[in-house]
Amino acid sequence: MLVDKVYYNNTLGNKINNSVRFAEIYRSLDGKSIKKILCNFEYLKYRYNMYEDGIINNIVFDINEAIDKCGLSDIQKQRLDMWMNGYTEQDIGDECNVSRWVVSKSIVASCEKISRYLKGYR
């Protein structure tokens, strides 16, 4: 479920209405932007766990949902997971017995699928 508005508590415990329109933000993200976000996804999850940031929470939730529901193949999920966990494309290629180019294309295709899902093109 993509979130239109985010409500979260600030450090003083006051409820804040943050009218960031995630659907509008997601529509502006292309595959390259998603790839940059996913490259830093573990940090985003860490930041959320450290600071309980409502905006980060929603981004993490939406991206996790997109990864699960955007139609990635098992191979794409495996390669994307390895890449998000710090493996280089060459390391993934060596592990999966494919070229770095094949891994790169797989990651780019995965990011495009995630981007389309977040934009609402299911």
Protein backbone atom coordinates (compact mmCIF):
# COMPACT_ATOMS: atom_id res chain seq x y z
CA MET A 1 0.00 0.00 0.00
CA LEU A 2 1.60 3.26 -1.10
CA VAL A 3 1.18 6.07 1.39
CA ASP A 4 -0.16 9.49 0.41
CA LYS A 5 0.53 11.19 3.73
CA VAL A 6 2.81 10.23 6.57
CA TYR A 7 2.04 10.81 10.21
CA TYR A 8 4.81 10.26 12.69
CA ASN A 9 5.91 11.41 16.09
CA ASN A 10 8.84 13.77 16.40
CA THR A 11 11.37 13.53 19.21
CA LEU A 12 9.02 15.44 21.53
CA GLY A 13 6.21 12.96 20.92
CA ASN A 14 4.07 15.44 18.97
CA LYS A 15 2.21 14.03 16.02
CA ILE A 16 3.38 15.60 12.76
CA ASN A 17 1.45 15.63 9.50
CA ASN A 18 4.07 15.35 6.81
CA SER A 19 2.25 15.94 3.55
CA VAL A 20 4.93 14.37 1.41
CA ARG A 21 3.10 12.70 -1.42
CA PHE A 22 4.92 9.43 -1.88
CA ALA A 23 2.97 8.51 -5.00
CA GLU A 24 4.25 11.69 -6.67
CA ILE A 25 7.79 10.99 -5.54
CA TYR A 26 7.65 7.40 -6.76
CA ARG A 27 6.34 8.51 -10.16
CA SER A 28 9.50 10.57 -10.59
CA LEU A 29 11.84 7.64 -9.85
CA ASP A 30 13.33 5.79 -12.78
CA GLY A 31 15.32 2.57 -12.71
CA LYS A 32 18.61 4.42 -12.12
CA SER A 33 17.16 6.24 -9.11
CA ILE A 34 15.80 3.00 -7.67
CA LYS A 35 19.23 1.42 -8.15
CA LYS A 36 20.83 4.23 -6.11
CA ILE A 37 18.25 3.79 -3.35
CA LEU A 38 18.70 0.01 -3.28
CA CYS A 39 22.46 0.41 -3.12
CA ASN A 40 21.91 2.21 0.19
CA PHE A 41 18.87 0.22 1.31
CA GLU A 42 20.58 -1.49 4.23
CA TYR A 43 21.58 1.95 5.54
CA LEU A 44 17.97 3.15 5.19
CA LYS A 45 16.74 0.16 7.19
CA TYR A 46 19.45 0.78 9.80
CA ARG A 47 18.54 4.46 10.01
CA TYR A 48 14.89 3.57 10.49
CA ASN A 49 15.74 1.12 13.26
CA MET A 50 18.01 3.67 14.95
CA TYR A 51 15.74 6.70 14.77
CA GLU A 52 12.27 5.31 14.07
CA ASP A 53 11.90 7.84 11.27
CA GLY A 54 8.34 7.71 9.89
CA ILE A 55 9.29 8.76 6.39
CA ILE A 56 12.12 6.23 6.17
CA ASN A 57 9.76 3.59 7.57
CA ASN A 58 7.29 4.16 4.75
CA ILE A 59 9.99 4.14 2.08
CA VAL A 60 11.45 0.90 3.45
CA PHE A 61 7.98 -0.66 3.64
CA ASP A 62 7.05 0.40 0.10
CA ILE A 63 10.32 -0.79 -1.42
CA ASN A 64 10.13 -4.14 0.40
CA GLU A 65 6.58 -4.55 -0.88
CA ALA A 66 7.65 -3.61 -4.41
CA ILE A 67 10.48 -6.15 -4.35
CA ASP A 68 8.04 -8.85 -3.23
CA LYS A 69 5.20 -8.00 -5.61
CA CYS A 70 6.70 -6.51 -8.78
CA GLY A 71 7.20 -9.84 -10.49
CA LEU A 72 10.91 -10.46 -10.06
CA SER A 73 12.06 -13.94 -10.96
CA ASP A 74 13.80 -16.03 -8.31
CA ILE A 75 17.12 -15.41 -10.07
CA GLN A 76 16.51 -11.64 -10.14
CA LYS A 77 15.61 -11.68 -6.45
CA GLN A 78 18.74 -13.65 -5.60
CA ARG A 79 21.05 -11.35 -7.56
CA LEU A 80 19.36 -8.21 -6.27
CA ASP A 81 19.56 -9.43 -2.68
CA MET A 82 23.26 -10.23 -3.04
CA TRP A 83 23.91 -6.84 -4.63
CA MET A 84 21.94 -5.00 -1.92
CA ASN A 85 24.03 -6.82 0.68
CA GLY A 86 27.31 -5.52 -0.69
CA TYR A 87 28.36 -8.06 -3.29
CA THR A 88 29.85 -6.55 -6.44
CA GLU A 89 28.42 -7.48 -9.81
CA GLN A 90 31.62 -9.43 -10.47
CA ASP A 91 31.30 -11.32 -7.17
CA ILE A 92 27.69 -12.22 -7.99
CA GLY A 93 28.69 -13.33 -11.47
CA ASP A 94 31.45 -15.53 -10.09
CA GLU A 95 29.07 -17.05 -7.53
CA CYS A 96 26.30 -17.67 -10.08
CA ASN A 97 28.60 -18.70 -12.94
CA VAL A 98 27.51 -15.87 -15.25
CA SER A 99 29.26 -12.80 -16.58
CA ARG A 100 29.27 -9.46 -14.77
CA TRP A 101 27.35 -8.06 -17.74
CA VAL A 102 24.51 -10.57 -17.21
CA VAL A 103 24.34 -9.63 -13.51
CA SER A 104 24.33 -5.91 -14.36
CA LYS A 105 21.47 -6.37 -16.83
CA SER A 106 19.55 -8.43 -14.26
CA ILE A 107 19.92 -5.74 -11.60
CA VAL A 108 18.91 -2.97 -14.03
CA ALA A 109 15.85 -4.98 -15.14
CA SER A 110 14.93 -5.59 -11.48
CA CYS A 111 15.18 -1.89 -10.68
CA GLU A 112 12.98 -1.05 -13.68
CA LYS A 113 10.33 -3.52 -12.47
CA ILE A 114 10.46 -2.03 -8.98
CA SER A 115 10.18 1.47 -10.44
CA ARG A 116 7.14 0.51 -12.52
CA TYR A 117 5.50 -1.09 -9.47
CA LEU A 118 6.06 2.02 -7.34
CA LYS A 119 4.62 4.17 -10.12
CA GLY A 120 1.49 2.05 -10.06
CA TYR A 121 2.09 0.13 -13.29
CA ARG A 122 1.48 -3.40 -12.09
